[in-house]
Protein backbone atom coordinates (compact mmCIF):
# COMPACT_ATOMS: atom_id res chain seq x y z
CA MET A 1 4.57 2.38 23.53
CA ARG A 2 2.25 -0.21 25.07
CA LEU A 3 4.24 -3.41 25.68
CA LYS A 4 1.99 -6.44 25.20
CA LEU A 5 2.48 -10.07 24.29
CA GLY A 6 0.68 -11.77 21.43
CA ARG A 7 -1.21 -10.10 18.63
CA PRO A 8 -4.70 -8.66 18.00
CA ASP A 9 -7.39 -11.12 16.96
CA VAL A 10 -8.67 -10.01 13.55
CA ALA A 11 -11.79 -12.14 14.08
CA ARG A 12 -12.97 -9.45 16.53
CA TYR A 13 -13.55 -7.21 13.54
CA ALA A 14 -15.45 -9.68 11.36
CA ASP A 15 -18.26 -7.16 10.88
CA ARG A 16 -15.80 -4.68 9.34
CA PHE A 17 -15.01 -6.99 6.40
CA ASP A 18 -18.02 -5.53 4.64
CA VAL A 19 -16.79 -4.00 1.37
CA PRO A 20 -19.24 -5.25 -1.29
CA ALA A 21 -17.93 -7.72 -3.84
CA ALA A 22 -17.58 -6.19 -7.29
CA ASP A 23 -20.16 -7.18 -9.88
CA GLY A 24 -18.31 -6.22 -13.03
CA GLY A 25 -16.93 -2.77 -13.75
CA LEU A 26 -14.24 -1.04 -11.72
CA SER A 27 -12.93 -3.00 -8.73
CA VAL A 28 -10.19 -2.97 -6.12
CA THR A 29 -8.59 -6.19 -4.89
CA PHE A 30 -6.54 -6.21 -1.68
CA LEU A 31 -3.47 -8.44 -1.93
CA GLY A 32 -1.87 -7.82 1.45
CA VAL A 33 0.02 -4.92 3.06
CA ALA A 34 -0.50 -2.01 0.62
CA THR A 35 -0.76 -4.04 -2.59
CA LEU A 36 -3.99 -3.08 -4.37
CA LEU A 37 -5.13 -4.12 -7.83
CA VAL A 38 -7.40 -1.52 -9.46
CA ASP A 39 -9.01 -3.07 -12.53
CA ASP A 40 -11.84 -2.12 -14.86
CA GLY A 41 -11.63 -5.24 -17.02
CA ALA A 42 -9.76 -3.46 -19.80
CA SER A 43 -6.78 -1.93 -17.99
CA ALA A 44 -5.34 -2.21 -14.52
CA ILE A 45 -2.79 -0.68 -12.17
CA LEU A 46 -1.17 -2.14 -9.05
CA THR A 47 0.33 -0.49 -6.00
CA ASP A 48 3.47 -2.15 -4.61
CA GLY A 49 3.08 -5.69 -5.93
CA PHE A 50 4.69 -7.23 -2.82
CA PHE A 51 4.17 -11.00 -2.88
CA SER A 52 7.44 -12.64 -1.73
CA ARG A 53 6.87 -11.84 1.98
CA PRO A 54 10.20 -13.23 3.32
CA GLY A 55 10.19 -14.46 6.91
CA LEU A 56 11.34 -12.41 9.88
CA LEU A 57 14.63 -14.30 10.30
CA ASP A 58 15.47 -13.89 6.63
CA VAL A 59 14.79 -10.17 6.84
CA ALA A 60 16.77 -9.74 10.05
CA LEU A 61 19.78 -11.98 9.32
CA ARG A 62 20.07 -12.65 5.62
CA ARG A 63 19.95 -11.00 2.23
CA ILE A 64 16.54 -11.05 0.59
CA ALA A 65 15.40 -11.26 -3.02
CA PRO A 66 12.14 -11.57 -4.92
CA HIS A 67 10.69 -15.08 -4.64
CA GLU A 68 9.70 -15.71 -8.23
CA GLU A 69 7.54 -18.78 -7.55
CA ARG A 70 5.49 -16.88 -4.98
CA ILE A 71 5.19 -13.89 -7.30
CA ASP A 72 3.97 -16.03 -10.18
CA ALA A 73 1.53 -17.91 -7.94
CA CYS A 74 0.04 -14.66 -6.62
CA LEU A 75 -0.21 -13.07 -10.05
CA GLY A 76 -1.97 -16.20 -11.27
CA ARG A 77 -4.38 -16.36 -8.34
CA ALA A 78 -5.27 -12.68 -8.76
CA GLY A 79 -5.70 -13.12 -12.51
CA ILE A 80 -3.06 -10.51 -13.29
CA THR A 81 -1.53 -10.85 -16.75
CA SER A 82 -1.14 -7.25 -17.88
CA LEU A 83 -0.75 -3.98 -15.98
CA ALA A 84 -0.38 -0.39 -17.10
CA ALA A 85 1.65 0.65 -14.04
CA VAL A 86 3.16 -0.66 -10.80
CA LEU A 87 3.37 2.08 -8.16
CA PRO A 88 5.31 1.47 -4.91
CA VAL A 89 3.94 3.68 -2.12
CA HIS A 90 7.55 3.89 -0.87
CA THR A 91 10.61 1.68 -1.23
CA HIS A 92 10.90 -0.35 1.98
CA PHE A 93 11.18 -4.05 1.15
CA ASP A 94 7.58 -4.77 2.24
CA HIS A 95 6.39 -2.52 -0.57
CA ALA A 96 9.01 -2.45 -3.33
CA LEU A 97 10.94 -5.74 -3.12
CA ASP A 98 8.98 -7.30 -5.99
CA SER A 99 7.85 -4.19 -7.84
CA ALA A 100 10.36 -4.37 -10.71
CA VAL A 101 9.79 -8.11 -11.20
CA VAL A 102 6.02 -7.59 -11.32
CA ALA A 103 6.42 -4.71 -13.77
CA ASP A 104 8.63 -6.89 -15.97
CA ARG A 105 6.19 -9.83 -15.83
CA THR A 106 3.17 -7.70 -16.75
CA GLY A 107 4.56 -5.16 -19.22
CA ALA A 108 3.93 -2.31 -16.78
CA SER A 109 5.77 0.91 -16.15
CA LEU A 110 7.43 1.11 -12.73
CA VAL A 111 6.34 4.48 -11.34
CA GLY A 112 7.78 6.26 -8.31
CA GLY A 113 10.63 8.45 -7.17
CA GLU A 114 14.37 8.23 -7.66
CA SER A 115 14.53 5.42 -5.10
CA ALA A 116 12.06 3.31 -7.08
CA ARG A 117 14.15 3.98 -10.17
CA GLN A 118 17.23 2.58 -8.41
CA ILE A 119 15.31 -0.58 -7.54
CA GLY A 120 14.18 -0.92 -11.15
CA VAL A 121 17.72 -0.46 -12.47
CA GLY A 122 19.14 -2.92 -9.94
CA HIS A 123 16.60 -5.53 -10.95
CA GLY A 124 17.45 -5.07 -14.65
CA LEU A 125 14.30 -3.22 -15.74
CA ALA A 126 14.81 -1.24 -18.95
CA ASP A 127 15.07 2.55 -18.55
CA GLU A 128 12.08 3.17 -20.80
CA ARG A 129 9.94 1.12 -18.42
CA ILE A 130 10.73 3.39 -15.44
CA VAL A 131 8.79 6.62 -14.82
CA VAL A 132 10.10 9.06 -12.21
CA ALA A 133 7.11 10.94 -10.85
CA THR A 134 6.98 14.63 -10.00
CA SER A 135 4.94 15.39 -6.91
CA GLY A 136 1.55 16.85 -7.80
CA GLU A 137 1.77 16.27 -11.56
CA SER A 138 -0.84 14.01 -13.15
CA MET A 139 0.06 11.05 -15.35
CA THR A 140 -2.16 8.80 -17.44
CA PHE A 141 -1.88 5.01 -17.52
CA GLY A 142 -4.68 3.24 -19.36
CA ALA A 143 -8.01 4.51 -18.03
CA TYR A 144 -6.40 5.99 -14.91
CA GLU A 145 -5.22 9.49 -14.10
CA ILE A 146 -2.57 9.13 -11.39
CA THR A 147 -1.30 11.95 -9.19
CA MET A 148 1.48 11.12 -6.75
CA ILE A 149 1.96 13.62 -3.93
CA GLU A 150 5.03 13.35 -1.74
CA SER A 151 4.12 12.35 1.80
CA ALA A 152 5.93 10.90 4.82
CA HIS A 153 6.45 7.55 6.54
CA CYS A 154 4.85 6.79 9.88
CA PRO A 155 7.35 7.17 12.73
CA PRO A 156 9.59 5.41 13.41
CA ASP A 157 11.13 4.86 9.96
CA ARG A 158 13.58 2.02 10.59
CA PHE A 159 15.27 2.41 7.19
CA PRO A 160 15.11 6.12 6.37
CA GLY A 161 16.69 7.97 3.48
CA ILE A 162 16.77 7.97 -0.30
CA ILE A 163 18.23 5.11 -2.35
CA THR A 164 21.05 6.54 -4.45
CA GLU A 165 22.60 3.38 -5.96
CA PRO A 166 21.00 0.45 -7.79
CA VAL A 167 19.72 -2.24 -5.42
CA VAL A 168 20.83 -5.59 -6.84
CA PRO A 169 19.20 -8.60 -5.14
CA PRO A 170 19.89 -10.42 -2.97
CA ALA A 171 20.42 -7.46 -0.65
CA LYS A 172 20.00 -6.61 3.01
CA ALA A 173 16.58 -5.29 3.98
CA ALA A 174 18.28 -2.02 4.96
CA ALA A 175 19.21 -1.47 1.30
CA TYR A 176 15.50 -0.89 0.66
CA ALA A 177 15.43 2.52 2.33
CA CYS A 178 12.10 4.33 2.54
CA GLY A 179 12.85 6.72 -0.30
CA GLU A 180 10.03 8.98 -1.38
CA ALA A 181 6.75 8.16 0.35
CA TRP A 182 3.63 8.93 -1.67
CA SER A 183 -0.04 9.69 -1.37
CA ILE A 184 -1.41 8.23 -4.60
CA LEU A 185 -4.58 9.74 -6.04
CA VAL A 186 -6.32 7.63 -8.68
CA ARG A 187 -9.13 8.91 -10.88
CA HIS A 188 -10.73 6.48 -13.31
CA ALA A 189 -12.25 7.51 -16.63
CA SER A 190 -15.65 6.73 -15.10
CA GLY A 191 -15.13 9.59 -12.62
CA ARG A 192 -14.66 7.32 -9.61
CA SER A 193 -11.67 8.15 -7.44
CA LEU A 194 -9.60 6.85 -4.57
CA LEU A 195 -6.62 7.80 -2.46
CA VAL A 196 -4.04 5.18 -1.53
CA GLN A 197 -2.21 6.28 1.62
CA GLY A 198 0.19 3.38 1.97
CA SER A 199 2.07 4.57 5.04
CA ALA A 200 0.52 6.05 8.16
CA GLY A 201 2.45 9.29 7.75
CA PHE A 202 1.44 12.63 6.33
CA VAL A 203 2.63 16.07 5.28
CA GLU A 204 0.46 18.79 6.73
CA LYS A 205 -1.90 20.33 4.14
CA ALA A 206 -0.34 18.32 1.27
CA LEU A 207 -3.76 16.98 0.23
CA ASP A 208 -5.76 20.18 0.74
CA GLY A 209 -7.89 20.88 -2.31
CA ARG A 210 -7.69 17.27 -3.54
CA ARG A 211 -10.74 15.01 -3.65
CA ALA A 212 -11.27 11.25 -3.43
CA ASP A 213 -14.41 9.18 -2.93
CA VAL A 214 -12.60 6.42 -1.02
CA VAL A 215 -9.38 6.26 0.99
CA TYR A 216 -7.37 3.06 1.30
CA LEU A 217 -5.71 4.06 4.55
CA GLY A 218 -2.45 2.49 5.66
CA VAL A 219 -2.37 1.82 9.40
CA GLY A 220 0.99 0.07 9.86
CA GLN A 221 2.51 1.24 13.18
CA LEU A 222 -0.41 3.63 13.67
CA GLY A 223 -1.50 1.75 16.79
CA LEU A 224 1.75 2.73 18.52
CA GLN A 225 1.04 6.46 18.16
CA ASP A 226 -0.91 8.62 20.60
CA ASP A 227 -4.48 9.72 19.96
CA ALA A 228 -3.39 13.20 18.85
CA TYR A 229 -1.29 11.70 16.06
CA LEU A 230 -4.16 9.46 14.95
CA GLU A 231 -6.51 12.42 14.76
CA ALA A 232 -3.98 14.50 12.80
CA TYR A 233 -3.47 11.59 10.39
CA TRP A 234 -7.23 11.13 9.89
CA HIS A 235 -7.66 14.88 9.37
CA GLU A 236 -4.81 15.21 6.86
CA THR A 237 -5.98 12.25 4.77
CA VAL A 238 -9.65 11.29 5.11
CA ARG A 239 -11.08 14.70 5.99
CA ALA A 240 -8.70 16.51 3.64
CA VAL A 241 -10.04 14.72 0.54
CA GLY A 242 -13.68 14.58 1.65
CA ALA A 243 -13.89 10.78 1.49
CA ARG A 244 -17.08 9.05 2.63
CA SER A 245 -15.57 5.58 2.83
CA VAL A 246 -12.30 4.31 4.33
CA VAL A 247 -10.77 0.86 3.86
CA LEU A 248 -7.87 -0.01 6.16
CA ILE A 249 -4.72 -1.61 4.74
CA HIS A 250 -1.19 -2.46 5.96
CA TRP A 251 -2.46 -4.17 9.13
CA ASP A 252 -1.49 -7.72 8.22
CA ASP A 253 1.66 -9.62 9.26
CA PHE A 254 3.81 -9.27 6.12
CA PHE A 255 6.27 -11.96 7.24
CA ARG A 256 3.54 -14.58 6.67
CA PRO A 257 3.04 -15.94 3.12
CA LEU A 258 -0.15 -15.03 1.29
CA ASP A 259 -1.16 -18.68 0.89
CA ARG A 260 -1.93 -18.69 4.63
CA PRO A 261 -4.76 -16.77 6.32
CA LEU A 262 -3.94 -13.17 7.11
CA ARG A 263 -3.28 -12.22 10.71
CA ALA A 264 -2.49 -8.92 12.41
CA LEU A 265 1.01 -7.77 13.22
CA PRO A 266 2.04 -8.61 16.80
CA TYR A 267 1.63 -6.01 19.53
CA ALA A 268 5.42 -5.61 19.58
CA GLY A 269 5.20 -3.97 16.16
CA ASP A 270 1.72 -2.46 16.14
CA ASP A 271 -1.59 -2.40 18.00
CA LEU A 272 -4.51 -2.85 15.61
CA ASP A 273 -6.94 -2.85 18.55
CA HIS A 274 -5.94 0.69 19.52
CA THR A 275 -6.17 1.81 15.88
CA MET A 276 -9.65 0.33 15.49
CA ARG A 277 -10.94 1.92 18.69
CA VAL A 278 -9.77 5.40 17.79
CA LEU A 279 -10.54 5.37 14.06
CA SER A 280 -13.98 3.87 14.69
CA ARG A 281 -14.75 6.90 16.83
CA PHE A 282 -13.57 9.35 14.17
CA ALA A 283 -15.52 7.52 11.46
CA ALA A 284 -18.72 7.55 13.51
CA ASP A 285 -18.33 11.25 14.33
CA ASP A 286 -17.75 12.12 10.66
CA GLY A 287 -20.36 9.76 9.18
CA VAL A 288 -17.69 7.88 7.25
CA GLY A 289 -17.77 4.16 6.53
CA LEU A 290 -14.85 2.22 8.01
CA SER A 291 -14.05 -1.22 6.60
CA LEU A 292 -11.42 -3.90 6.27
CA PRO A 293 -10.81 -5.52 2.87
CA THR A 294 -11.10 -9.22 2.11
CA VAL A 295 -7.88 -10.53 0.60
CA TRP A 296 -8.12 -11.84 -3.00
CA GLN A 297 -11.68 -10.55 -3.45
CA ALA A 298 -12.45 -7.98 -6.15
CA GLU A 299 -14.49 -5.37 -4.30
CA ASN A 300 -16.49 -2.24 -5.06
CA PRO A 301 -15.69 0.32 -2.33
CA TRP A 302 -17.80 3.00 -4.07
């Protein structure tokens, strides 16, 4: 681990915020960490739905719970009123804390593993609104064919394990164990496709034979890994699905509310500069576009 003070300056990568704004039709909107709204104007799905973003001291010392005012404000700002599905990429608090509340607010199904089910039950979501996914089996929600493939969390996993009892908020952050981590493949009725890799972990060969036009690639903690790990991660995600465009997610400081400008995680928890150096090299070698998303903006990564 490289011990450094401060945090990377995201302004250094201003030229990477180059995903075109959507002009009608299918779009993806980045809403921080690994929360992505995929919307075609008629139906929509959302990964994670994490909007509360409790502060570091609250996470470390207190019990945390969904912040309903922040959730409602973010749903309103993003124009989200109805969703077909909410899909946590895994069940750490910075992904799944708000997922059941968002599903309840929007009429969506909460989709994930047994751990996501326990969060839904603990938050009072009705059983018929919870879908337990089977790895590799396709499901249809609105205009979207969803395939969730079990993956792995980037090391180190500070809260490992499966959630086996309902999580009733407020609860310690540790109650939101990682659970099942997923690679989420999304294919729209238009034929456009994307892979959401919310955590910078992988299972070797798990995505072989799958295809996606675009990868939304989680890079949280990736900057603390060695170059060999970064190359294996790139190979098992981007190269595995034949993507020609990569958009990096899970680089922002998730202890900072979304009504303030996004900033990178501090060097103590990640090193975005190292990630950008190495992944930029892989992208150039492979002829793949490498971008950062603009928060709140509906974009067309295709």
